[in-house]
Amino acid sequence: MSWVCYLLRCADDTLYCGISNDLGKRLAAHNAGEGAKYTRGRTPLQLVYAEPCADKSAALKRELKIKRMPRGDKLALCGVK
């Protein structure tokens, strides 16, 4: 199992950060309105960043670090200005 920390851009131009060990399945769940409560109603969603992590613990730590970043830093991380 490989873990990934990812950033999504929502239809309302907000960003959502999460982790998954099956990114394709998780993205499909988000876009179907079955993912996180935050992303429901904010579809369609666009994957803008994904970072592989060594394990679930590393993914959770990276997610927390990204969530604490200012929006500008998150956009820079995914190469969007």
PDB file of N, CA and C in Angstrom:
ATOM      1  N   MET A   1       0.835  -1.181   0.000  1.00  0.00           N
ATOM      2  CA  MET A   1       0.000   0.000   0.000  1.00  0.00           C
ATOM      3  C   MET A   1       0.884   1.249   0.000  1.00  0.00           C
ATOM      4  N   SER A   2       0.668   2.116  -0.975  1.00  0.00           N
ATOM      5  CA  SER A   2       1.401   3.377  -0.983  1.00  0.00           C
ATOM      6  C   SER A   2       0.437   4.509  -0.637  1.00  0.00           C
ATOM      7  N   TRP A   3       0.872   5.379   0.233  1.00  0.00           N
ATOM      8  CA  TRP A   3       0.048   6.488   0.684  1.00  0.00           C
ATOM      9  C   TRP A   3       0.404   7.763  -0.063  1.00  0.00           C
ATOM     10  N   VAL A   4      -0.598   8.608  -0.274  1.00  0.00           N
ATOM     11  CA  VAL A   4      -0.441   9.845  -1.008  1.00  0.00           C
ATOM     12  C   VAL A   4      -1.137  10.967  -0.242  1.00  0.00           C
ATOM     13  N   CYS A   5      -0.481  12.114  -0.180  1.00  0.00           N
ATOM     14  CA  CYS A   5      -1.108  13.329   0.324  1.00  0.00           C
ATOM     15  C   CYS A   5      -1.459  14.154  -0.908  1.00  0.00           C
ATOM     16  N   TYR A   6      -2.668  14.685  -0.987  1.00  0.00           N
ATOM     17  CA  TYR A   6      -3.111  15.356  -2.207  1.00  0.00           C
ATOM     18  C   TYR A   6      -3.845  16.653  -1.905  1.00  0.00           C
ATOM     19  N   LEU A   7      -3.880  17.517  -2.912  1.00  0.00           N
ATOM     20  CA  LEU A   7      -4.640  18.771  -2.862  1.00  0.00           C
ATOM     21  C   LEU A   7      -5.643  18.783  -4.000  1.00  0.00           C
ATOM     22  N   LEU A   8      -6.868  19.156  -3.692  1.00  0.00           N
ATOM     23  CA  LEU A   8      -7.911  19.311  -4.695  1.00  0.00           C
ATOM     24  C   LEU A   8      -8.317  20.768  -4.772  1.00  0.00           C
ATOM     25  N   ARG A   9      -8.619  21.225  -5.971  1.00  0.00           N
ATOM     26  CA  ARG A   9      -9.218  22.546  -6.150  1.00  0.00           C
ATOM     27  C   ARG A   9     -10.704  22.307  -6.387  1.00  0.00           C
ATOM     28  N   CYS A  10     -11.515  22.906  -5.547  1.00  0.00           N
ATOM     29  CA  CYS A  10     -12.961  22.746  -5.642  1.00  0.00           C
ATOM     30  C   CYS A  10     -13.539  23.741  -6.643  1.00  0.00           C
ATOM     31  N   ALA A  11     -14.774  23.511  -7.049  1.00  0.00           N
ATOM     32  CA  ALA A  11     -15.450  24.378  -8.014  1.00  0.00           C
ATOM     33  C   ALA A  11     -15.571  25.811  -7.508  1.00  0.00           C
ATOM     34  N   ASP A  12     -15.622  26.012  -6.189  1.00  0.00           N
ATOM     35  CA  ASP A  12     -15.713  27.361  -5.630  1.00  0.00           C
ATOM     36  C   ASP A  12     -14.327  27.971  -5.393  1.00  0.00           C
ATOM     37  N   ASP A  13     -13.297  27.359  -5.972  1.00  0.00           N
ATOM     38  CA  ASP A  13     -11.898  27.812  -5.930  1.00  0.00           C
ATOM     39  C   ASP A  13     -11.249  27.669  -4.560  1.00  0.00           C
ATOM     40  N   THR A  14     -11.837  26.887  -3.669  1.00  0.00           N
ATOM     41  CA  THR A  14     -11.181  26.577  -2.405  1.00  0.00           C
ATOM     42  C   THR A  14     -10.304  25.351  -2.603  1.00  0.00           C
ATOM     43  N   LEU A  15      -9.422  25.093  -1.641  1.00  0.00           N
ATOM     44  CA  LEU A  15      -8.520  23.944  -1.707  1.00  0.00           C
ATOM     45  C   LEU A  15      -8.856  22.962  -0.596  1.00  0.00           C
ATOM     46  N   TYR A  16      -8.740  21.690  -0.901  1.00  0.00           N
ATOM     47  CA  TYR A  16      -8.970  20.627   0.075  1.00  0.00           C
ATOM     48  C   TYR A  16      -7.748  19.724   0.085  1.00  0.00           C
ATOM     49  N   CYS A  17      -7.238  19.421   1.262  1.00  0.00           N
ATOM     50  CA  CYS A  17      -6.089  18.530   1.407  1.00  0.00           C
ATOM     51  C   CYS A  17      -6.541  17.244   2.086  1.00  0.00           C
ATOM     52  N   GLY A  18      -6.060  16.105   1.579  1.00  0.00           N
ATOM     53  CA  GLY A  18      -6.400  14.821   2.168  1.00  0.00           C
ATOM     54  C   GLY A  18      -5.320  13.798   1.903  1.00  0.00           C
ATOM     55  N   ILE A  19      -5.533  12.589   2.409  1.00  0.00           N
ATOM     56  CA  ILE A  19      -4.614  11.482   2.169  1.00  0.00           C
ATOM     57  C   ILE A  19      -5.406  10.264   1.706  1.00  0.00           C
ATOM     58  N   SER A  20      -4.716   9.358   1.017  1.00  0.00           N
ATOM     59  CA  SER A  20      -5.372   8.139   0.558  1.00  0.00           C
ATOM     60  C   SER A  20      -4.324   7.091   0.205  1.00  0.00           C
ATOM     61  N   ASN A  21      -4.739   5.839   0.261  1.00  0.00           N
ATOM     62  CA  ASN A  21      -3.872   4.773  -0.237  1.00  0.00           C
ATOM     63  C   ASN A  21      -4.386   4.255  -1.584  1.00  0.00           C
ATOM     64  N   ASP A  22      -5.463   4.857  -2.096  1.00  0.00           N
ATOM     65  CA  ASP A  22      -5.983   4.563  -3.435  1.00  0.00           C
ATOM     66  C   ASP A  22      -6.544   5.871  -3.995  1.00  0.00           C
ATOM     67  N   LEU A  23      -5.672   6.672  -4.575  1.00  0.00           N
ATOM     68  CA  LEU A  23      -6.039   8.024  -4.993  1.00  0.00           C
ATOM     69  C   LEU A  23      -7.160   8.036  -6.031  1.00  0.00           C
ATOM     70  N   GLY A  24      -7.109   7.157  -7.004  1.00  0.00           N
ATOM     71  CA  GLY A  24      -8.153   7.117  -8.028  1.00  0.00           C
ATOM     72  C   GLY A  24      -9.526   6.866  -7.438  1.00  0.00           C
ATOM     73  N   LYS A  25      -9.601   5.910  -6.538  1.00  0.00           N
ATOM     74  CA  LYS A  25     -10.874   5.575  -5.887  1.00  0.00           C
ATOM     75  C   LYS A  25     -11.357   6.745  -5.014  1.00  0.00           C
ATOM     76  N   ARG A  26     -10.423   7.385  -4.331  1.00  0.00           N
ATOM     77  CA  ARG A  26     -10.776   8.506  -3.459  1.00  0.00           C
ATOM     78  C   ARG A  26     -11.277   9.706  -4.268  1.00  0.00           C
ATOM     79  N   LEU A  27     -10.627   9.999  -5.386  1.00  0.00           N
ATOM     80  CA  LEU A  27     -11.073  11.107  -6.241  1.00  0.00           C
ATOM     81  C   LEU A  27     -12.467  10.843  -6.793  1.00  0.00           C
ATOM     82  N   ALA A  28     -12.708   9.597  -7.195  1.00  0.00           N
ATOM     83  CA  ALA A  28     -14.034   9.233  -7.696  1.00  0.00           C
ATOM     84  C   ALA A  28     -15.086   9.420  -6.603  1.00  0.00           C
ATOM     85  N   ALA A  29     -14.748   9.047  -5.374  1.00  0.00           N
ATOM     86  CA  ALA A  29     -15.681   9.218  -4.255  1.00  0.00           C
ATOM     87  C   ALA A  29     -15.959  10.703  -4.009  1.00  0.00           C
ATOM     88  N   HIS A  30     -14.912  11.524  -4.024  1.00  0.00           N
ATOM     89  CA  HIS A  30     -15.099  12.971  -3.839  1.00  0.00           C
ATOM     90  C   HIS A  30     -16.031  13.529  -4.919  1.00  0.00           C
ATOM     91  N   ASN A  31     -15.768  13.204  -6.173  1.00  0.00           N
ATOM     92  CA  ASN A  31     -16.559  13.752  -7.279  1.00  0.00           C
ATOM     93  C   ASN A  31     -17.983  13.212  -7.316  1.00  0.00           C
ATOM     94  N   ALA A  32     -18.198  12.056  -6.692  1.00  0.00           N
ATOM     95  CA  ALA A  32     -19.548  11.492  -6.618  1.00  0.00           C
ATOM     96  C   ALA A  32     -20.318  12.037  -5.414  1.00  0.00           C
ATOM     97  N   GLY A  33     -19.684  12.908  -4.629  1.00  0.00           N
ATOM     98  CA  GLY A  33     -20.341  13.459  -3.444  1.00  0.00           C
ATOM     99  C   GLY A  33     -20.297  12.527  -2.257  1.00  0.00           C
ATOM    100  N   GLU A  34     -19.441  11.520  -2.321  1.00  0.00           N
ATOM    101  CA  GLU A  34     -19.347  10.537  -1.241  1.00  0.00           C
ATOM    102  C   GLU A  34     -18.021  10.628  -0.487  1.00  0.00           C
ATOM    103  N   GLY A  35     -17.235  11.651  -0.788  1.00  0.00           N
ATOM    104  CA  GLY A  35     -15.944  11.829  -0.117  1.00  0.00           C
ATOM    105  C   GLY A  35     -16.129  12.598   1.174  1.00  0.00           C
ATOM    106  N   ALA A  36     -15.205  13.465   1.459  1.00  0.00           N
ATOM    107  CA  ALA A  36     -15.256  14.275   2.674  1.00  0.00           C
ATOM    108  C   ALA A  36     -16.467  15.211   2.653  1.00  0.00           C
ATOM    109  N   LYS A  37     -16.984  15.502   3.816  1.00  0.00           N
ATOM    110  CA  LYS A  37     -18.134  16.393   3.920  1.00  0.00           C
ATOM    111  C   LYS A  37     -17.832  17.749   3.284  1.00  0.00           C
ATOM    112  N   TYR A  38     -16.586  18.229   3.430  1.00  0.00           N
ATOM    113  CA  TYR A  38     -16.211  19.534   2.883  1.00  0.00           C
ATOM    114  C   TYR A  38     -16.377  19.584   1.371  1.00  0.00           C
ATOM    115  N   THR A  39     -16.047  18.514   0.669  1.00  0.00           N
ATOM    116  CA  THR A  39     -16.071  18.539  -0.795  1.00  0.00           C
ATOM    117  C   THR A  39     -17.458  18.290  -1.382  1.00  0.00           C
ATOM    118  N   ARG A  40     -18.390  17.802  -0.587  1.00  0.00           N
ATOM    119  CA  ARG A  40     -19.747  17.590  -1.089  1.00  0.00           C
ATOM    120  C   ARG A  40     -20.352  18.937  -1.456  1.00  0.00           C
ATOM    121  N   GLY A  41     -20.915  19.027  -2.634  1.00  0.00           N
ATOM    122  CA  GLY A  41     -21.510  20.280  -3.065  1.00  0.00           C
ATOM    123  C   GLY A  41     -20.511  21.258  -3.654  1.00  0.00           C
ATOM    124  N   ARG A  42     -19.238  20.879  -3.664  1.00  0.00           N
ATOM    125  CA  ARG A  42     -18.209  21.745  -4.243  1.00  0.00           C
ATOM    126  C   ARG A  42     -17.611  21.112  -5.498  1.00  0.00           C
ATOM    127  N   THR A  43     -18.341  20.215  -6.116  1.00  0.00           N
ATOM    128  CA  THR A  43     -17.854  19.533  -7.311  1.00  0.00           C
ATOM    129  C   THR A  43     -18.108  20.392  -8.534  1.00  0.00           C
ATOM    130  N   PRO A  44     -17.392  20.220  -9.616  1.00  0.00           N
ATOM    131  CA  PRO A  44     -16.354  19.220  -9.835  1.00  0.00           C
ATOM    132  C   PRO A  44     -15.044  19.614  -9.149  1.00  0.00           C
ATOM    133  N   LEU A  45     -14.266  18.606  -8.847  1.00  0.00           N
ATOM    134  CA  LEU A  45     -12.994  18.790  -8.171  1.00  0.00           C
ATOM    135  C   LEU A  45     -11.858  18.473  -9.124  1.00  0.00           C
ATOM    136  N   GLN A  46     -10.762  19.194  -8.957  1.00  0.00           N
ATOM    137  CA  GLN A  46      -9.597  18.980  -9.810  1.00  0.00           C
ATOM    138  C   GLN A  46      -8.395  18.661  -8.929  1.00  0.00           C
ATOM    139  N   LEU A  47      -7.727  17.564  -9.218  1.00  0.00           N
ATOM    140  CA  LEU A  47      -6.498  17.217  -8.505  1.00  0.00           C
ATOM    141  C   LEU A  47      -5.406  18.164  -8.973  1.00  0.00           C
ATOM    142  N   VAL A  48      -4.811  18.913  -8.047  1.00  0.00           N
ATOM    143  CA  VAL A  48      -3.766  19.865  -8.424  1.00  0.00           C
ATOM    144  C   VAL A  48      -2.395  19.492  -7.864  1.00  0.00           C
ATOM    145  N   TYR A  49      -2.356  18.560  -6.905  1.00  0.00           N
ATOM    146  CA  TYR A  49      -1.073  18.159  -6.317  1.00  0.00           C
ATOM    147  C   TYR A  49      -1.219  16.796  -5.659  1.00  0.00           C
ATOM    148  N   ALA A  50      -0.218  15.970  -5.832  1.00  0.00           N
ATOM    149  CA  ALA A  50      -0.164  14.669  -5.153  1.00  0.00           C
ATOM    150  C   ALA A  50       1.285  14.389  -4.793  1.00  0.00           C
ATOM    151  N   GLU A  51       1.506  13.971  -3.568  1.00  0.00           N
ATOM    152  CA  GLU A  51       2.850  13.700  -3.059  1.00  0.00           C
ATOM    153  C   GLU A  51       2.884  12.316  -2.420  1.00  0.00           C
ATOM    154  N   PRO A  52       3.705  11.406  -2.950  1.00  0.00           N
ATOM    155  CA  PRO A  52       3.802  10.084  -2.340  1.00  0.00           C
ATOM    156  C   PRO A  52       4.439  10.170  -0.954  1.00  0.00           C
ATOM    157  N   CYS A  53       3.961   9.341  -0.049  1.00  0.00           N
ATOM    158  CA  CYS A  53       4.482   9.300   1.320  1.00  0.00           C
ATOM    159  C   CYS A  53       4.873   7.861   1.660  1.00  0.00           C
ATOM    160  N   ALA A  54       5.805   7.717   2.575  1.00  0.00           N
ATOM    161  CA  ALA A  54       6.350   6.402   2.932  1.00  0.00           C
ATOM    162  C   ALA A  54       5.297   5.487   3.564  1.00  0.00           C
ATOM    163  N   ASP A  55       4.436   6.064   4.412  1.00  0.00           N
ATOM    164  CA  ASP A  55       3.419   5.276   5.097  1.00  0.00           C
ATOM    165  C   ASP A  55       2.292   6.206   5.561  1.00  0.00           C
ATOM    166  N   LYS A  56       1.297   5.642   6.213  1.00  0.00           N
ATOM    167  CA  LYS A  56       0.141   6.437   6.637  1.00  0.00           C
ATOM    168  C   LYS A  56       0.546   7.533   7.612  1.00  0.00           C
ATOM    169  N   SER A  57       1.450   7.219   8.520  1.00  0.00           N
ATOM    170  CA  SER A  57       1.901   8.204   9.492  1.00  0.00           C
ATOM    171  C   SER A  57       2.554   9.399   8.804  1.00  0.00           C
ATOM    172  N   ALA A  58       3.413   9.146   7.834  1.00  0.00           N
ATOM    173  CA  ALA A  58       4.082  10.218   7.096  1.00  0.00           C
ATOM    174  C   ALA A  58       3.058  11.039   6.312  1.00  0.00           C
ATOM    175  N   ALA A  59       2.059  10.375   5.741  1.00  0.00           N
ATOM    176  CA  ALA A  59       1.016  11.066   4.986  1.00  0.00           C
ATOM    177  C   ALA A  59       0.202  11.987   5.899  1.00  0.00           C
ATOM    178  N   LEU A  60      -0.150  11.505   7.080  1.00  0.00           N
ATOM    179  CA  LEU A  60      -0.910  12.315   8.036  1.00  0.00           C
ATOM    180  C   LEU A  60      -0.109  13.541   8.480  1.00  0.00           C
ATOM    181  N   LYS A  61       1.184  13.342   8.721  1.00  0.00           N
ATOM    182  CA  LYS A  61       2.038  14.461   9.128  1.00  0.00           C
ATOM    183  C   LYS A  61       2.151  15.494   8.012  1.00  0.00           C
ATOM    184  N   ARG A  62       2.310  15.024   6.771  1.00  0.00           N
ATOM    185  CA  ARG A  62       2.412  15.940   5.637  1.00  0.00           C
ATOM    186  C   ARG A  62       1.100  16.687   5.421  1.00  0.00           C
ATOM    187  N   GLU A  63      -0.032  15.974   5.565  1.00  0.00           N
ATOM    188  CA  GLU A  63      -1.348  16.600   5.430  1.00  0.00           C
ATOM    189  C   GLU A  63      -1.497  17.738   6.442  1.00  0.00           C
ATOM    190  N   LEU A  64      -1.129  17.501   7.675  1.00  0.00           N
ATOM    191  CA  LEU A  64      -1.235  18.519   8.713  1.00  0.00           C
ATOM    192  C   LEU A  64      -0.354  19.721   8.381  1.00  0.00           C
ATOM    193  N   LYS A  65       0.849  19.452   7.898  1.00  0.00           N
ATOM    194  CA  LYS A  65       1.762  20.538   7.540  1.00  0.00           C
ATOM    195  C   LYS A  65       1.186  21.387   6.398  1.00  0.00           C
ATOM    196  N   ILE A  66       0.630  20.721   5.392  1.00  0.00           N
ATOM    197  CA  ILE A  66       0.035  21.447   4.262  1.00  0.00           C
ATOM    198  C   ILE A  66      -1.192  22.229   4.708  1.00  0.00           C
ATOM    199  N   LYS A  67      -2.034  21.641   5.543  1.00  0.00           N
ATOM    200  CA  LYS A  67      -3.243  22.330   6.004  1.00  0.00           C
ATOM    201  C   LYS A  67      -2.913  23.597   6.788  1.00  0.00           C
ATOM    202  N   ARG A  68      -1.761  23.629   7.423  1.00  0.00           N
ATOM    203  CA  ARG A  68      -1.354  24.799   8.205  1.00  0.00           C
ATOM    204  C   ARG A  68      -0.707  25.885   7.339  1.00  0.00           C
ATOM    205  N   MET A  69      -0.431  25.575   6.075  1.00  0.00           N
ATOM    206  CA  MET A  69       0.186  26.560   5.172  1.00  0.00           C
ATOM    207  C   MET A  69      -0.835  27.624   4.768  1.00  0.00           C
ATOM    208  N   PRO A  70      -0.353  28.854   4.522  1.00  0.00           N
ATOM    209  CA  PRO A  70      -1.250  29.863   3.931  1.00  0.00           C
ATOM    210  C   PRO A  70      -1.634  29.448   2.508  1.00  0.00           C
ATOM    211  N   ARG A  71      -2.740  29.949   2.025  1.00  0.00           N
ATOM    212  CA  ARG A  71      -3.238  29.591   0.701  1.00  0.00           C
ATOM    213  C   ARG A  71      -2.187  29.827  -0.390  1.00  0.00           C
ATOM    214  N   GLY A  72      -1.476  30.931  -0.320  1.00  0.00           N
ATOM    215  CA  GLY A  72      -0.465  31.230  -1.323  1.00  0.00           C
ATOM    216  C   GLY A  72       0.619  30.171  -1.397  1.00  0.00           C
ATOM    217  N   ASP A  73       1.021  29.651  -0.246  1.00  0.00           N
ATOM    218  CA  ASP A  73       2.028  28.597  -0.212  1.00  0.00           C
ATOM    219  C   ASP A  73       1.493  27.292  -0.797  1.00  0.00           C
ATOM    220  N   LYS A  74       0.216  27.022  -0.547  1.00  0.00           N
ATOM    221  CA  LYS A  74      -0.404  25.816  -1.117  1.00  0.00           C
ATOM    222  C   LYS A  74      -0.456  25.917  -2.647  1.00  0.00           C
ATOM    223  N   LEU A  75      -0.815  27.091  -3.148  1.00  0.00           N
ATOM    224  CA  LEU A  75      -0.864  27.296  -4.599  1.00  0.00           C
ATOM    225  C   LEU A  75       0.518  27.178  -5.209  1.00  0.00           C
ATOM    226  N   ALA A  76       1.531  27.705  -4.530  1.00  0.00           N
ATOM    227  CA  ALA A  76       2.910  27.594  -5.014  1.00  0.00           C
ATOM    228  C   ALA A  76       3.359  26.139  -5.030  1.00  0.00           C
ATOM    229  N   LEU A  77       2.926  25.373  -4.047  1.00  0.00           N
ATOM    230  CA  LEU A  77       3.276  23.958  -3.959  1.00  0.00           C
ATOM    231  C   LEU A  77       2.792  23.195  -5.188  1.00  0.00           C
ATOM    232  N   CYS A  78       1.607  23.533  -5.654  1.00  0.00           N
ATOM    233  CA  CYS A  78       1.056  22.836  -6.813  1.00  0.00           C
ATOM    234  C   CYS A  78       1.325  23.569  -8.125  1.00  0.00           C
ATOM    235  N   GLY A  79       2.116  24.634  -8.086  1.00  0.00           N
ATOM    236  CA  GLY A  79       2.521  25.323  -9.302  1.00  0.00           C
ATOM    237  C   GLY A  79       1.466  26.239  -9.895  1.00  0.00           C
ATOM    238  N   VAL A  80       0.500  26.656  -9.083  1.00  0.00           N
ATOM    239  CA  VAL A  80      -0.556  27.560  -9.546  1.00  0.00           C
ATOM    240  C   VAL A  80      -0.323  28.910  -8.899  1.00  0.00           C
ATOM    241  N   LYS A  81      -0.516  29.967  -9.667  1.00  0.00           N
ATOM    242  CA  LYS A  81      -0.333  31.322  -9.104  1.00  0.00           C
ATOM    243  C   LYS A  81      -1.643  32.033  -8.968  1.00  0.00           C
TER     244      LYS A  81
END
